[in-house]
């Protein structure tokens, strides 16, 4: 199987992926530039002889290649999780997503080409689709018109990977993530609400009117889905990953977090159905292509939210 190299390994998904691979007896090398990831999230693995960490800018093909050459064993799988996770920040400054979301993909692919690494597993996003309103989004829908810089750079990354498959890359999986929740939380709507209520327990300010409705997947189900897809046959595979339901509203999330963290708080909603520029207020996400292969999530959106709210409340306020 070879070493598993996780780019963006100190981020939310990367940490959970490393934990699962190590539990399965695999060897893991996590790399991260720590611009968004946090080294302390990986501390639990430091005593494991099958784990190592290097601080690396994945946008630098030379730096990634040097890390691969110094790994001590051949890299069999490269999991590319490195990206900007702050979508509003990318709207304010497009260079953030160019550098952290697209150029990391370009750098990783160049390093893979020179090192002849056989498999890429790429974290893409539902943001590549844009706003289809009430139309159910499946993998073959089009045209793809992302409305955030993050989505645009993820789509550009997918295009670059597809071109690499044609030219030199033996195999790639593209995972189109939904909203993924759980711990260790470093961003996201639940984390944001919990921290707001910790600071001002009497009031919770919500961006938008609360009618935004999206699908949410717990990170445990996400990891299972990625590993499942990685074992399927095929040179180039693209899958939506998510729950099988239509999701929940921001209003429901706000009320559930309020009830858990500060029951007396007043919720103050904003105006309009978009929380920020580039926010898709509602979408229906089809995962029928994935479920047809035998995978189903253990939790739906509501169950995932309740589990994640309890986990994040414990992480942030210890209760």
Protein backbone atom coordinates (compact mmCIF):
# COMPACT_ATOMS: atom_id res chain seq x y z
CA UNK A 1 0.00 0.00 0.00
CA UNK A 2 2.84 2.44 0.79
CA UNK A 3 2.97 5.55 2.95
CA UNK A 4 -0.08 7.82 3.14
CA UNK A 5 0.92 11.47 2.65
CA UNK A 6 -1.77 13.89 3.88
CA UNK A 7 -1.38 17.44 2.57
CA UNK A 8 -3.27 19.73 4.91
CA UNK A 9 -2.81 17.12 7.62
CA UNK A 10 -3.15 19.57 10.52
CA UNK A 11 -6.64 20.64 9.46
CA UNK A 12 -10.03 19.36 10.58
CA UNK A 13 -10.45 16.59 7.98
CA UNK A 14 -6.75 15.79 7.83
CA UNK A 15 -6.56 15.07 11.55
CA UNK A 16 -9.55 12.74 11.42
CA UNK A 17 -8.18 10.97 8.35
CA UNK A 18 -4.80 10.48 10.02
CA UNK A 19 -6.46 9.03 13.11
CA UNK A 20 -8.40 6.49 11.06
CA UNK A 21 -5.45 5.44 8.89
CA UNK A 22 -3.19 4.99 11.92
CA UNK A 23 -5.91 2.95 13.65
CA UNK A 24 -5.92 0.71 10.58
CA UNK A 25 -2.17 0.15 10.95
CA UNK A 26 -1.13 2.41 8.07
CA UNK A 27 1.90 4.72 8.01
CA UNK A 28 1.07 8.44 7.78
CA UNK A 29 3.12 11.52 6.96
CA UNK A 30 1.13 14.71 7.57
CA UNK A 31 2.30 17.98 6.02
CA UNK A 32 0.83 21.43 6.52
CA UNK A 33 1.98 25.04 6.28
CA UNK A 34 -0.01 25.79 9.47
CA UNK A 35 -1.67 28.86 7.93
CA UNK A 36 -5.04 27.35 8.88
CA UNK A 37 -4.10 24.01 10.40
CA UNK A 38 -2.87 23.66 13.98
CA UNK A 39 0.09 21.50 14.92
CA UNK A 40 -1.33 20.73 18.38
CA UNK A 41 -4.24 18.87 16.81
CA UNK A 42 -1.76 16.17 15.76
CA UNK A 43 -0.06 15.85 19.16
CA UNK A 44 -2.01 12.68 20.00
CA UNK A 45 -0.15 10.85 17.21
CA UNK A 46 3.41 11.93 18.07
CA UNK A 47 4.16 8.79 20.08
CA UNK A 48 3.02 6.54 17.21
CA UNK A 49 6.05 5.21 15.28
CA UNK A 50 3.93 5.11 12.11
CA UNK A 51 3.33 8.90 12.19
CA UNK A 52 5.45 11.87 11.21
CA UNK A 53 4.79 15.58 10.58
CA UNK A 54 6.61 18.15 8.46
CA UNK A 55 5.80 21.82 8.06
CA UNK A 56 5.53 22.26 4.29
CA UNK A 57 3.98 24.80 1.94
CA UNK A 58 2.08 22.54 -0.45
CA UNK A 59 2.05 25.28 -3.09
CA UNK A 60 5.78 24.65 -3.48
CA UNK A 61 6.32 21.59 -5.66
CA UNK A 62 9.99 21.54 -4.64
CA UNK A 63 9.12 21.50 -0.94
CA UNK A 64 6.58 18.70 -1.38
CA UNK A 65 8.99 16.71 -3.53
CA UNK A 66 11.78 17.09 -0.98
CA UNK A 67 9.45 15.81 1.73
CA UNK A 68 8.50 12.80 -0.42
CA UNK A 69 12.16 11.98 -1.10
CA UNK A 70 13.00 12.19 2.62
CA UNK A 71 9.99 10.12 3.74
CA UNK A 72 11.97 6.92 4.18
CA UNK A 73 9.48 4.76 2.29
CA UNK A 74 7.57 5.07 -0.99
CA UNK A 75 4.39 7.16 -0.94
CA UNK A 76 1.49 5.06 -2.18
CA UNK A 77 -1.36 7.51 -1.58
CA UNK A 78 -1.45 11.29 -1.50
CA UNK A 79 -4.50 12.77 0.22
CA UNK A 80 -4.79 16.43 -0.81
CA UNK A 81 -6.80 18.20 1.89
CA UNK A 82 -4.85 21.50 1.83
CA UNK A 83 -7.02 24.54 1.04
CA UNK A 84 -8.28 27.82 2.42
CA UNK A 85 -11.23 27.01 4.68
CA UNK A 86 -12.40 30.62 5.20
CA UNK A 87 -14.70 31.30 2.24
CA UNK A 88 -15.55 34.93 3.18
CA UNK A 89 -11.82 35.69 3.49
CA UNK A 90 -11.35 34.41 -0.05
CA UNK A 91 -14.11 36.73 -1.25
CA UNK A 92 -12.40 39.70 0.39
CA UNK A 93 -8.99 38.74 -1.03
CA UNK A 94 -9.04 36.43 -4.08
CA UNK A 95 -5.30 35.79 -3.72
CA UNK A 96 -6.02 33.65 -0.66
CA UNK A 97 -7.85 30.98 -2.66
CA UNK A 98 -5.49 31.28 -5.61
CA UNK A 99 -2.53 30.55 -3.36
CA UNK A 100 -3.99 28.19 -0.75
CA UNK A 101 -6.70 26.38 -2.76
CA UNK A 102 -5.46 26.19 -6.37
CA UNK A 103 -1.68 26.56 -6.23
CA UNK A 104 -1.49 23.89 -3.53
CA UNK A 105 -3.15 21.52 -6.03
CA UNK A 106 -0.78 22.58 -8.79
CA UNK A 107 2.25 22.14 -6.53
CA UNK A 108 1.12 18.74 -5.29
CA UNK A 109 0.51 17.50 -8.83
CA UNK A 110 3.95 18.61 -9.99
CA UNK A 111 5.57 16.82 -7.05
CA UNK A 112 3.51 13.69 -7.76
CA UNK A 113 4.64 13.75 -11.40
CA UNK A 114 8.32 13.85 -10.52
CA UNK A 115 7.99 11.32 -7.68
CA UNK A 116 5.69 9.04 -9.70
CA UNK A 117 3.14 8.69 -6.91
CA UNK A 118 0.34 6.42 -8.18
CA UNK A 119 -2.81 7.69 -6.41
CA UNK A 120 -4.30 11.09 -5.58
CA UNK A 121 -7.34 11.52 -3.34
CA UNK A 122 -8.63 15.09 -3.60
CA UNK A 123 -10.98 17.03 -1.31
CA UNK A 124 -13.17 19.08 -3.63
CA UNK A 125 -16.43 20.78 -2.67
CA UNK A 126 -20.10 21.24 -3.47
CA UNK A 127 -19.09 24.91 -3.99
CA UNK A 128 -17.96 24.04 -7.52
CA UNK A 129 -21.59 23.76 -8.66
CA UNK A 130 -22.84 27.25 -7.89
CA UNK A 131 -26.47 28.04 -7.10
CA UNK A 132 -28.97 25.60 -8.62
CA UNK A 133 -31.77 26.55 -6.25
CA UNK A 134 -34.17 23.65 -5.69
CA UNK A 135 -32.70 21.47 -8.46
CA UNK A 136 -31.07 18.32 -7.13
CA UNK A 137 -27.33 18.51 -7.78
CA UNK A 138 -25.70 15.39 -9.25
CA UNK A 139 -22.18 14.84 -10.54
CA UNK A 140 -23.08 15.33 -14.22
CA UNK A 141 -25.10 18.54 -13.85
CA UNK A 142 -24.02 21.69 -15.61
CA UNK A 143 -22.97 24.28 -16.41
CA UNK A 144 -20.76 24.60 -13.34
CA UNK A 145 -20.83 28.25 -12.23
CA UNK A 146 -19.30 28.65 -8.74
CA UNK A 147 -20.20 31.91 -6.98
CA UNK A 148 -17.25 32.06 -4.58
CA UNK A 149 -13.52 32.26 -5.20
CA UNK A 150 -13.17 29.10 -3.12
CA UNK A 151 -15.55 27.22 -5.42
CA UNK A 152 -13.83 28.62 -8.50
CA UNK A 153 -10.40 27.46 -7.32
CA UNK A 154 -11.72 24.02 -6.35
CA UNK A 155 -13.21 23.70 -9.85
CA UNK A 156 -9.92 24.81 -11.39
CA UNK A 157 -8.18 22.19 -9.25
CA UNK A 158 -10.50 19.48 -10.55
CA UNK A 159 -9.74 20.54 -14.11
CA UNK A 160 -6.00 20.40 -13.42
CA UNK A 161 -6.34 16.91 -11.93
CA UNK A 162 -8.33 15.71 -14.94
CA UNK A 163 -5.61 17.01 -17.27
CA UNK A 164 -2.99 15.25 -15.14
CA UNK A 165 -4.89 11.96 -15.51
CA UNK A 166 -4.63 12.33 -19.27
CA UNK A 167 -0.91 13.14 -19.19
CA UNK A 168 0.79 11.29 -16.33
CA UNK A 169 -1.27 10.60 -13.20
CA UNK A 170 -2.21 6.90 -12.89
CA UNK A 171 -5.28 7.36 -10.69
CA UNK A 172 -7.33 10.05 -8.90
CA UNK A 173 -10.43 10.25 -6.73
CA UNK A 174 -12.36 13.53 -6.41
CA UNK A 175 -14.52 13.89 -3.31
CA UNK A 176 -17.10 16.68 -3.53
CA UNK A 177 -17.71 17.50 0.12
CA UNK A 178 -20.93 18.89 1.59
CA UNK A 179 -20.84 20.88 4.85
CA UNK A 180 -18.73 18.65 7.10
CA UNK A 181 -19.03 18.96 10.89
CA UNK A 182 -17.49 17.47 14.01
CA UNK A 183 -14.28 17.92 15.98
CA UNK A 184 -11.63 19.19 16.20
CA UNK A 185 -13.64 22.16 14.94
CA UNK A 186 -11.69 25.16 13.69
CA UNK A 187 -14.41 26.94 11.67
CA UNK A 188 -18.00 26.52 10.51
CA UNK A 189 -21.46 27.59 11.56
CA UNK A 190 -21.70 25.50 14.75
CA UNK A 191 -18.22 26.53 15.94
CA UNK A 192 -19.08 30.16 15.18
CA UNK A 193 -22.39 30.04 17.10
CA UNK A 194 -20.85 28.31 20.12
CA UNK A 195 -18.04 30.87 20.32
CA UNK A 196 -20.44 33.78 19.92
CA UNK A 197 -22.59 32.49 22.77
CA UNK A 198 -19.52 31.91 24.91
CA UNK A 199 -18.61 35.59 24.44
CA UNK A 200 -22.16 37.01 24.71
CA UNK A 201 -24.46 34.41 26.33
CA UNK A 202 -27.42 36.78 26.23
CA UNK A 203 -27.50 37.19 22.42
CA UNK A 204 -26.70 35.25 19.24
CA UNK A 205 -26.29 37.23 16.03
CA UNK A 206 -26.93 35.23 12.86
CA UNK A 207 -25.86 36.21 9.35
CA UNK A 208 -28.92 36.09 7.10
CA UNK A 209 -32.55 35.40 7.98
CA UNK A 210 -31.99 31.76 8.99
CA UNK A 211 -33.84 30.26 6.03
CA UNK A 212 -30.64 28.93 4.42
CA UNK A 213 -30.94 25.14 4.17
CA UNK A 214 -28.05 22.76 3.52
CA UNK A 215 -26.99 19.16 4.01
CA UNK A 216 -24.56 18.36 6.82
CA UNK A 217 -22.35 15.29 7.17
CA UNK A 218 -20.47 14.22 10.29
CA UNK A 219 -16.74 13.89 9.72
CA UNK A 220 -16.81 10.24 10.81
CA UNK A 221 -19.13 9.43 7.90
CA UNK A 222 -16.99 11.52 5.56
CA UNK A 223 -13.85 9.53 6.38
CA UNK A 224 -15.69 6.24 5.81
CA UNK A 225 -16.94 7.52 2.45
CA UNK A 226 -13.49 8.62 1.29
CA UNK A 227 -11.92 5.30 2.20
CA UNK A 228 -14.79 3.45 0.51
CA UNK A 229 -14.32 5.44 -2.72
CA UNK A 230 -10.56 4.92 -2.63
CA UNK A 231 -11.13 1.16 -2.76
CA UNK A 232 -13.45 1.26 -5.78
CA UNK A 233 -12.20 0.38 -9.24
CA UNK A 234 -11.60 3.14 -11.74
CA UNK A 235 -8.83 5.45 -12.88
CA UNK A 236 -10.76 8.73 -12.38
CA UNK A 237 -13.70 8.79 -9.98
CA UNK A 238 -15.84 11.77 -8.99
CA UNK A 239 -18.40 11.46 -6.22
CA UNK A 240 -20.68 13.74 -4.24
CA UNK A 241 -20.44 12.82 -0.56
CA UNK A 242 -23.23 13.73 1.84
CA UNK A 243 -26.32 12.59 3.71
CA UNK A 244 -29.37 11.29 1.90
CA UNK A 245 -31.72 13.99 3.25
CA UNK A 246 -32.45 17.58 2.20
CA UNK A 247 -30.60 19.13 5.14
CA UNK A 248 -31.56 21.54 7.88
CA UNK A 249 -31.96 25.30 8.14
CA UNK A 250 -29.61 27.76 9.79
CA UNK A 251 -32.53 28.73 12.05
CA UNK A 252 -32.75 25.15 13.33
CA UNK A 253 -28.99 25.10 13.92
CA UNK A 254 -29.07 28.41 15.79
CA UNK A 255 -31.93 27.27 18.01
CA UNK A 256 -30.31 23.91 18.78
CA UNK A 257 -26.98 25.52 19.66
CA UNK A 258 -28.75 28.17 21.75
CA UNK A 259 -30.67 25.49 23.66
CA UNK A 260 -27.44 23.57 24.31
CA UNK A 261 -25.11 26.44 25.23
CA UNK A 262 -27.15 29.45 26.46
CA UNK A 263 -30.89 28.71 26.68
CA UNK A 264 -31.80 32.26 27.68
CA UNK A 265 -30.10 33.89 24.69
CA UNK A 266 -32.08 35.94 22.18
CA UNK A 267 -31.39 35.06 18.54
CA UNK A 268 -31.05 38.11 16.27
CA UNK A 269 -31.34 37.28 12.58
CA UNK A 270 -30.09 39.42 9.72
CA UNK A 271 -31.76 40.13 6.39
CA UNK A 272 -31.86 38.07 3.23
CA UNK A 273 -31.17 34.41 2.66
CA UNK A 274 -27.40 34.69 2.12
CA UNK A 275 -25.01 34.78 5.04
CA UNK A 276 -22.16 36.25 2.96
CA UNK A 277 -21.11 36.89 -0.63
CA UNK A 278 -20.69 33.50 -2.26
CA UNK A 279 -23.08 31.72 0.11
CA UNK A 280 -25.49 29.31 -1.57
CA UNK A 281 -28.72 29.65 0.46
CA UNK A 282 -30.29 26.32 -0.45
CA UNK A 283 -29.25 23.26 -2.33
CA UNK A 284 -30.30 19.66 -2.74
CA UNK A 285 -27.37 17.29 -3.01
CA UNK A 286 -27.70 13.92 -4.73
CA UNK A 287 -25.51 11.10 -3.40
CA UNK A 288 -27.28 8.34 -5.32
CA UNK A 289 -24.16 7.60 -7.37
CA UNK A 290 -22.24 6.88 -4.15
CA UNK A 291 -24.98 4.97 -2.35
CA UNK A 292 -25.32 2.75 -5.44
CA UNK A 293 -21.79 1.48 -4.67
CA UNK A 294 -22.88 0.25 -1.23
CA UNK A 295 -22.03 3.21 1.03
CA UNK A 296 -24.59 4.94 3.24
CA UNK A 297 -23.98 7.44 6.07
CA UNK A 298 -24.74 6.40 9.62
CA UNK A 299 -26.22 9.82 10.42
CA UNK A 300 -28.50 12.19 8.55
CA UNK A 301 -28.12 15.98 8.70
CA UNK A 302 -30.10 16.37 11.93
CA UNK A 303 -28.30 13.55 13.73
CA UNK A 304 -24.92 14.81 12.54
CA UNK A 305 -25.74 18.30 13.82
CA UNK A 306 -26.81 17.12 17.25
CA UNK A 307 -23.66 15.01 17.61
CA UNK A 308 -21.40 17.82 16.38
CA UNK A 309 -23.04 20.44 18.59
CA UNK A 310 -22.41 18.30 21.67
CA UNK A 311 -18.80 17.68 20.58
CA UNK A 312 -18.03 21.32 19.77
CA UNK A 313 -19.68 22.60 22.96
CA UNK A 314 -17.45 20.26 24.93
CA UNK A 315 -14.41 21.40 22.94
CA UNK A 316 -15.09 25.12 23.35
CA UNK A 317 -16.76 25.49 26.75
CA UNK A 318 -16.12 22.14 28.41
CA UNK A 319 -19.81 21.36 28.86
